[in-house]
Structure formats: structure tokens, C-alpha cells
N, C-alpha and C. Protein backbone atom coordinates (compact mmCIF):
# COMPACT_ATOMS: atom_id res chain seq x y z
N MET A 1 -26.34 29.26 -28.36
CA MET A 1 -25.46 28.07 -28.83
C MET A 1 -24.21 28.00 -27.96
N LYS A 2 -23.71 29.08 -27.68
CA LYS A 2 -22.52 29.22 -26.79
C LYS A 2 -22.81 28.52 -25.32
N THR A 3 -24.00 28.95 -24.84
CA THR A 3 -24.39 28.46 -23.55
C THR A 3 -24.55 26.90 -23.54
N ARG A 4 -25.18 26.33 -24.63
CA ARG A 4 -25.24 24.86 -24.68
C ARG A 4 -23.87 24.21 -24.72
N PHE A 5 -22.98 24.82 -25.42
CA PHE A 5 -21.64 24.20 -25.74
C PHE A 5 -20.93 24.25 -24.33
N LEU A 6 -20.98 25.48 -23.65
CA LEU A 6 -20.38 25.51 -22.33
C LEU A 6 -20.89 24.55 -21.30
N THR A 7 -22.22 24.41 -21.36
CA THR A 7 -22.94 23.49 -20.48
C THR A 7 -22.48 21.96 -20.71
N ALA A 8 -22.37 21.67 -21.98
CA ALA A 8 -21.93 20.42 -22.39
C ALA A 8 -20.46 20.17 -21.84
N ILE A 9 -19.61 21.09 -22.04
CA ILE A 9 -18.26 20.91 -21.55
C ILE A 9 -18.29 20.78 -20.16
N LEU A 10 -18.89 21.62 -19.41
CA LEU A 10 -18.98 21.56 -17.84
C LEU A 10 -19.48 20.25 -17.36
N LEU A 11 -20.63 19.70 -18.09
CA LEU A 11 -21.01 18.31 -17.73
C LEU A 11 -20.05 17.27 -18.01
N ALA A 12 -19.32 17.35 -19.03
CA ALA A 12 -18.39 16.35 -19.35
C ALA A 12 -17.25 16.36 -18.47
N ALA A 13 -16.77 17.64 -17.97
CA ALA A 13 -15.59 17.86 -17.03
C ALA A 13 -16.17 17.21 -15.74
N SER A 14 -17.25 17.41 -15.33
CA SER A 14 -17.87 16.89 -14.07
C SER A 14 -18.00 15.51 -13.91
N ALA A 15 -18.40 14.84 -15.02
CA ALA A 15 -18.45 13.40 -15.14
C ALA A 15 -16.97 12.89 -15.02
N ALA A 16 -16.01 13.44 -15.66
CA ALA A 16 -14.57 12.97 -15.62
C ALA A 16 -14.10 13.03 -14.28
N LEU A 17 -14.41 14.18 -13.48
CA LEU A 17 -13.77 14.42 -12.18
C LEU A 17 -14.41 13.47 -11.14
N SER A 18 -15.69 13.08 -11.43
CA SER A 18 -16.38 12.09 -10.38
C SER A 18 -16.06 10.68 -10.67
N ALA A 19 -15.39 10.51 -11.89
CA ALA A 19 -15.21 9.02 -12.15
C ALA A 19 -14.15 8.49 -11.14
N GLN A 20 -14.25 7.18 -10.88
CA GLN A 20 -13.23 6.50 -9.99
C GLN A 20 -12.29 5.85 -10.81
N VAL A 21 -10.94 5.86 -10.53
CA VAL A 21 -9.94 5.15 -11.19
C VAL A 21 -9.38 4.09 -10.30
N SER A 22 -9.22 2.84 -10.85
CA SER A 22 -8.59 1.72 -10.25
C SER A 22 -7.42 1.30 -10.92
N ILE A 23 -6.30 1.16 -10.40
CA ILE A 23 -5.04 0.68 -11.13
C ILE A 23 -4.66 -0.62 -10.37
N GLY A 24 -4.64 -1.60 -11.24
CA GLY A 24 -4.20 -2.97 -10.70
C GLY A 24 -2.89 -3.39 -11.44
N ILE A 25 -2.09 -4.19 -10.83
CA ILE A 25 -0.72 -4.57 -11.62
C ILE A 25 -1.08 -6.05 -12.01
N GLN A 26 -0.92 -6.19 -13.29
CA GLN A 26 -1.10 -7.52 -14.05
C GLN A 26 0.20 -8.22 -13.85
N ILE A 27 0.44 -9.11 -13.04
CA ILE A 27 1.71 -9.76 -12.90
C ILE A 27 1.46 -11.19 -12.35
N GLY A 28 2.29 -12.22 -12.61
CA GLY A 28 2.06 -13.58 -12.20
C GLY A 28 2.20 -13.62 -10.71
N PRO A 29 2.03 -14.77 -10.09
CA PRO A 29 2.12 -14.93 -8.69
C PRO A 29 3.43 -14.75 -8.24
N PRO A 30 3.64 -14.34 -6.93
CA PRO A 30 5.06 -14.07 -6.43
C PRO A 30 5.68 -15.35 -6.12
N PRO A 31 7.07 -15.46 -6.01
CA PRO A 31 7.73 -16.64 -5.67
C PRO A 31 7.27 -17.06 -4.11
N PRO A 32 7.61 -18.26 -3.75
CA PRO A 32 7.23 -18.80 -2.45
C PRO A 32 7.89 -17.89 -1.31
N VAL A 33 7.15 -17.62 -0.18
CA VAL A 33 7.65 -16.84 0.92
C VAL A 33 9.00 -17.37 1.38
N ARG A 34 9.90 -16.55 1.60
CA ARG A 34 11.25 -16.87 2.18
C ARG A 34 11.05 -17.12 3.69
N VAL A 35 11.83 -18.00 4.13
CA VAL A 35 11.82 -18.29 5.58
C VAL A 35 12.92 -17.49 6.24
N GLU A 36 12.54 -16.62 7.14
CA GLU A 36 13.46 -15.79 7.77
C GLU A 36 13.76 -16.32 9.20
N ARG A 37 14.99 -16.70 9.42
CA ARG A 37 15.14 -17.49 10.61
C ARG A 37 15.48 -16.53 11.92
N HIS A 38 15.86 -15.28 11.59
CA HIS A 38 16.21 -14.45 12.61
C HIS A 38 15.28 -13.25 12.71
N ARG A 39 14.74 -13.04 13.89
CA ARG A 39 13.89 -11.89 14.18
C ARG A 39 14.57 -11.21 15.23
N PRO A 40 15.01 -9.99 15.07
CA PRO A 40 15.76 -9.24 16.21
C PRO A 40 14.70 -8.91 17.19
N GLY A 41 15.24 -8.51 18.37
CA GLY A 41 14.32 -8.10 19.52
C GLY A 41 13.63 -6.82 19.24
N SER A 42 12.50 -6.64 19.71
CA SER A 42 11.71 -5.50 19.53
C SER A 42 12.54 -4.17 19.98
N PRO A 43 12.46 -3.16 19.23
CA PRO A 43 13.09 -1.85 19.84
C PRO A 43 12.24 -1.14 20.74
N GLY A 44 11.01 -1.59 20.95
CA GLY A 44 10.19 -0.81 21.93
C GLY A 44 8.81 -1.36 22.05
N PRO A 45 8.01 -0.99 23.12
CA PRO A 45 6.78 -1.68 23.34
C PRO A 45 5.56 -1.41 22.29
N ASP A 46 5.93 -0.13 21.59
CA ASP A 46 4.86 0.15 20.60
C ASP A 46 5.12 -0.26 19.11
N PHE A 47 6.06 -1.21 18.98
CA PHE A 47 6.56 -1.76 17.72
C PHE A 47 5.85 -2.98 17.46
N ILE A 48 5.50 -3.26 16.22
CA ILE A 48 5.01 -4.65 15.81
C ILE A 48 5.89 -5.14 14.69
N TRP A 49 5.90 -6.48 14.61
CA TRP A 49 6.72 -7.24 13.69
C TRP A 49 5.86 -7.37 12.35
N ILE A 50 6.34 -7.01 11.28
CA ILE A 50 5.83 -7.28 9.89
C ILE A 50 6.63 -8.45 9.38
N ASP A 51 6.00 -9.64 8.94
CA ASP A 51 6.78 -10.67 8.37
C ASP A 51 7.26 -10.34 7.00
N GLY A 52 8.28 -10.84 6.58
CA GLY A 52 8.75 -10.46 5.13
C GLY A 52 7.75 -10.94 4.06
N TYR A 53 7.81 -10.20 3.01
CA TYR A 53 6.86 -10.42 1.94
C TYR A 53 7.38 -9.99 0.51
N TRP A 54 6.82 -10.47 -0.55
CA TRP A 54 7.08 -10.13 -1.77
C TRP A 54 6.24 -8.97 -2.24
N TYR A 55 6.75 -8.03 -2.99
CA TYR A 55 6.04 -6.96 -3.45
C TYR A 55 6.39 -6.56 -4.93
N ALA A 56 5.33 -6.18 -5.64
CA ALA A 56 5.45 -5.96 -7.12
C ALA A 56 6.38 -4.61 -7.23
N GLN A 57 7.42 -4.77 -8.02
CA GLN A 57 8.33 -3.58 -8.48
C GLN A 57 8.44 -3.60 -9.92
N GLY A 58 7.61 -2.79 -10.55
CA GLY A 58 7.54 -2.79 -12.04
C GLY A 58 6.90 -4.18 -12.54
N ASN A 59 7.71 -4.94 -13.31
CA ASN A 59 7.15 -6.22 -13.83
C ASN A 59 7.77 -7.29 -13.12
N ARG A 60 8.42 -7.14 -11.94
CA ARG A 60 9.00 -8.32 -11.23
C ARG A 60 8.61 -8.11 -9.65
N TYR A 61 9.05 -9.07 -8.89
CA TYR A 61 8.89 -8.97 -7.51
C TYR A 61 10.16 -8.67 -6.75
N ALA A 62 10.09 -7.99 -5.76
CA ALA A 62 11.24 -7.64 -4.88
C ALA A 62 10.87 -8.20 -3.38
N TRP A 63 11.80 -8.70 -2.73
CA TRP A 63 11.61 -9.17 -1.38
C TRP A 63 11.87 -8.05 -0.39
N HIS A 64 10.83 -7.98 0.59
CA HIS A 64 10.87 -7.00 1.66
C HIS A 64 11.03 -7.78 2.93
N LYS A 65 12.34 -7.76 3.50
CA LYS A 65 12.69 -8.38 4.75
C LYS A 65 11.77 -8.09 5.88
N GLY A 66 11.47 -9.00 6.76
CA GLY A 66 10.61 -8.68 7.92
C GLY A 66 11.24 -7.51 8.82
N TYR A 67 10.40 -6.84 9.38
CA TYR A 67 10.88 -5.61 10.09
C TYR A 67 10.00 -5.34 11.29
N TRP A 68 10.63 -4.56 12.29
CA TRP A 68 9.78 -3.94 13.46
C TRP A 68 9.46 -2.51 12.93
N THR A 69 8.21 -2.07 13.15
CA THR A 69 7.91 -0.79 12.93
C THR A 69 6.76 -0.43 13.83
N ARG A 70 6.52 0.95 13.89
CA ARG A 70 5.36 1.38 14.70
C ARG A 70 4.27 1.76 13.57
N PRO A 71 3.08 1.27 13.96
CA PRO A 71 1.86 1.59 12.95
C PRO A 71 1.80 3.09 12.78
N PRO A 72 1.09 3.49 11.64
CA PRO A 72 1.12 4.89 11.44
C PRO A 72 0.01 5.62 12.47
N PHE A 73 -0.84 4.87 13.13
CA PHE A 73 -1.56 5.55 14.12
C PHE A 73 -2.12 4.41 15.12
N PRO A 74 -2.46 4.73 16.36
CA PRO A 74 -2.86 3.62 17.33
C PRO A 74 -4.04 2.90 16.84
N GLY A 75 -3.95 1.55 17.02
CA GLY A 75 -4.96 0.62 16.51
C GLY A 75 -4.94 0.24 15.08
N ALA A 76 -3.99 0.75 14.28
CA ALA A 76 -3.81 0.27 12.91
C ALA A 76 -3.35 -1.22 12.81
N HIS A 77 -3.76 -1.95 11.80
CA HIS A 77 -3.13 -3.37 11.63
C HIS A 77 -2.78 -3.40 10.23
N TRP A 78 -1.73 -4.28 10.03
CA TRP A 78 -1.20 -4.50 8.77
C TRP A 78 -1.91 -5.61 7.98
N VAL A 79 -2.33 -5.23 6.67
CA VAL A 79 -2.96 -6.10 5.80
C VAL A 79 -2.00 -6.46 4.82
N GLY A 80 -1.44 -7.69 4.74
CA GLY A 80 -0.25 -8.09 3.93
C GLY A 80 -0.63 -8.10 2.47
N PRO A 81 0.34 -8.06 1.58
CA PRO A 81 0.06 -7.99 0.25
C PRO A 81 -0.50 -9.35 -0.28
N ARG A 82 -1.19 -9.42 -1.36
CA ARG A 82 -1.67 -10.73 -1.85
C ARG A 82 -1.78 -10.72 -3.35
N HIS A 83 -1.97 -11.90 -3.98
CA HIS A 83 -2.11 -12.07 -5.34
C HIS A 83 -3.44 -12.86 -5.57
N GLU A 84 -4.36 -12.21 -6.35
CA GLU A 84 -5.72 -12.89 -6.43
C GLU A 84 -6.13 -12.73 -7.95
N ASP A 85 -6.55 -13.72 -8.60
CA ASP A 85 -7.07 -13.69 -9.89
C ASP A 85 -6.26 -12.92 -10.86
N GLY A 86 -4.96 -13.25 -10.89
CA GLY A 86 -4.05 -12.67 -11.82
C GLY A 86 -3.60 -11.27 -11.48
N ARG A 87 -3.94 -10.76 -10.33
CA ARG A 87 -3.69 -9.39 -10.01
C ARG A 87 -2.96 -9.25 -8.71
N PHE A 88 -2.03 -8.31 -8.56
CA PHE A 88 -1.35 -8.09 -7.20
C PHE A 88 -2.00 -6.99 -6.58
N PHE A 89 -2.05 -7.09 -5.30
CA PHE A 89 -2.55 -5.98 -4.49
C PHE A 89 -1.46 -5.72 -3.37
N ASP A 90 -1.08 -4.50 -3.23
CA ASP A 90 -0.07 -4.14 -2.27
C ASP A 90 -0.59 -4.24 -0.82
N GLY A 91 0.23 -4.48 0.14
CA GLY A 91 -0.08 -4.54 1.62
C GLY A 91 -0.47 -2.90 1.98
N PHE A 92 -1.09 -2.93 3.12
CA PHE A 92 -1.55 -1.51 3.64
C PHE A 92 -1.87 -1.66 5.10
N TRP A 93 -1.87 -0.48 5.68
CA TRP A 93 -2.38 -0.28 7.15
C TRP A 93 -3.83 0.01 7.10
N ASP A 94 -4.65 -0.50 7.98
CA ASP A 94 -6.06 -0.30 8.06
C ASP A 94 -6.38 -0.12 9.60
N GLY A 95 -7.46 0.66 9.77
CA GLY A 95 -7.99 0.95 11.04
C GLY A 95 -8.94 1.92 11.03
N ASP A 96 -9.34 2.32 12.22
CA ASP A 96 -10.52 3.40 12.34
C ASP A 96 -10.25 4.73 11.65
N ARG A 97 -9.01 5.07 11.29
CA ARG A 97 -8.84 6.19 10.44
C ARG A 97 -8.59 5.85 8.98
N GLY A 98 -9.04 4.80 8.74
CA GLY A 98 -8.94 4.42 7.11
C GLY A 98 -7.73 3.71 6.75
N ARG A 99 -7.61 3.58 5.49
CA ARG A 99 -6.32 2.95 4.73
C ARG A 99 -5.16 3.80 4.70
N PHE A 100 -3.91 3.28 4.96
CA PHE A 100 -2.73 4.05 4.82
C PHE A 100 -1.86 3.11 4.10
N ASP A 101 -1.35 3.48 2.95
CA ASP A 101 -0.33 2.79 2.13
C ASP A 101 0.99 2.93 2.70
N HIS A 102 1.81 1.75 2.45
CA HIS A 102 3.15 1.77 2.95
C HIS A 102 3.97 2.30 1.61
N ASP A 103 5.01 3.18 1.78
CA ASP A 103 5.76 3.57 0.65
C ASP A 103 7.10 2.98 0.87
N HIS A 104 7.66 2.16 -0.07
CA HIS A 104 9.01 1.48 0.06
C HIS A 104 10.15 2.48 0.02
N ARG A 105 9.86 3.72 -0.35
CA ARG A 105 11.03 4.63 -0.27
C ARG A 105 11.48 5.00 1.16
N TRP A 106 10.40 4.62 2.19
CA TRP A 106 10.79 4.80 3.53
C TRP A 106 11.39 3.74 4.24
N ASP A 107 11.80 2.56 3.50
CA ASP A 107 12.15 1.39 4.18
C ASP A 107 13.43 1.57 5.08
N HIS A 108 14.23 2.64 5.00
CA HIS A 108 15.46 2.75 5.53
C HIS A 108 15.21 3.31 6.96
N ASP A 109 14.03 3.80 7.20
CA ASP A 109 13.63 4.50 8.34
C ASP A 109 12.95 3.66 9.41
N ARG A 110 13.46 3.54 10.52
CA ARG A 110 12.79 2.65 11.60
C ARG A 110 11.40 2.89 11.91
N ASP A 111 10.94 4.16 11.88
CA ASP A 111 9.58 4.63 12.06
C ASP A 111 8.97 4.88 10.81
N ARG A 112 9.28 3.89 9.79
CA ARG A 112 8.82 4.22 8.31
C ARG A 112 7.49 4.50 8.14
N ASP A 113 6.45 4.08 8.80
CA ASP A 113 5.12 4.58 8.53
C ASP A 113 4.37 5.44 9.63
N ARG A 114 5.19 5.55 10.65
CA ARG A 114 4.65 6.33 11.84
C ARG A 114 4.44 7.93 11.42
N ASP A 115 3.21 8.26 11.73
CA ASP A 115 2.81 9.71 11.63
C ASP A 115 2.99 10.21 10.18
N ARG A 116 3.04 9.49 9.20
CA ARG A 116 3.32 9.93 7.78
C ARG A 116 1.86 10.19 7.20
N ARG A 117 1.62 11.21 6.45
CA ARG A 117 0.46 11.40 5.80
C ARG A 117 0.67 11.50 4.28
N HIS A 118 -0.22 11.08 3.41
CA HIS A 118 0.02 11.38 1.95
C HIS A 118 -0.62 12.78 1.62
């Protein structure tokens, strides 16, 4: 009896660990994109410009000014945030090394996404 109980617990734990979790933010569409009239010169040849965008912060949107940054790895490209079917999806870097999420706590750093790993 104890063996069956232990087996059942292990199977339940195994199923729970292999389950995929997806978290979406239910929020209305963002405000219209702001027009930024000033783009400073590039700080170097390996920097790319990211246009300003709205991102979800709790139950509201916050504006992220456009900025120069170095991609997290060579060949990475920015996929901007979007609002689809009532859900908001954050922007992220993508490339041959996979997806890399931008963390807004790094925004003060010029190399905000460069060589960072989660």
C-alpha cells in the first residue's frame, strides 16, 4: 500500500514539474506611440537604435524612450512589444542563441542587455 501511495505521489510530482506555465498580462491596448524627434548619435559601431515603446508595468503602461544599445549577443535582433487579442507581450531579443528578455531594471546602463544572462 505504501509503495502505491509513493508511486502516485511521484507521478503527480513528475506531471507537475513537466507542465508548462504561460503568464500573459491582461491589459487594454497601449496609448499611441510617442513621436520622438531627437535621436542622439550612435555611441559606437556595434550599437543599434531601439525606437521608443510602451510596456506594461502592473496594470498600466509606461513609456520607454528610444535608446542606443548593444545586442546581448552578435546577430541578435529586437522584437518589439505588441498587444494582440487583449493580451500584452513584452519585447525581447531573438537570434541563433534563442530568446533573451530585456529587464527594465537595467535601463540606466548603456550596455543594458549586453552579455547578461538570466
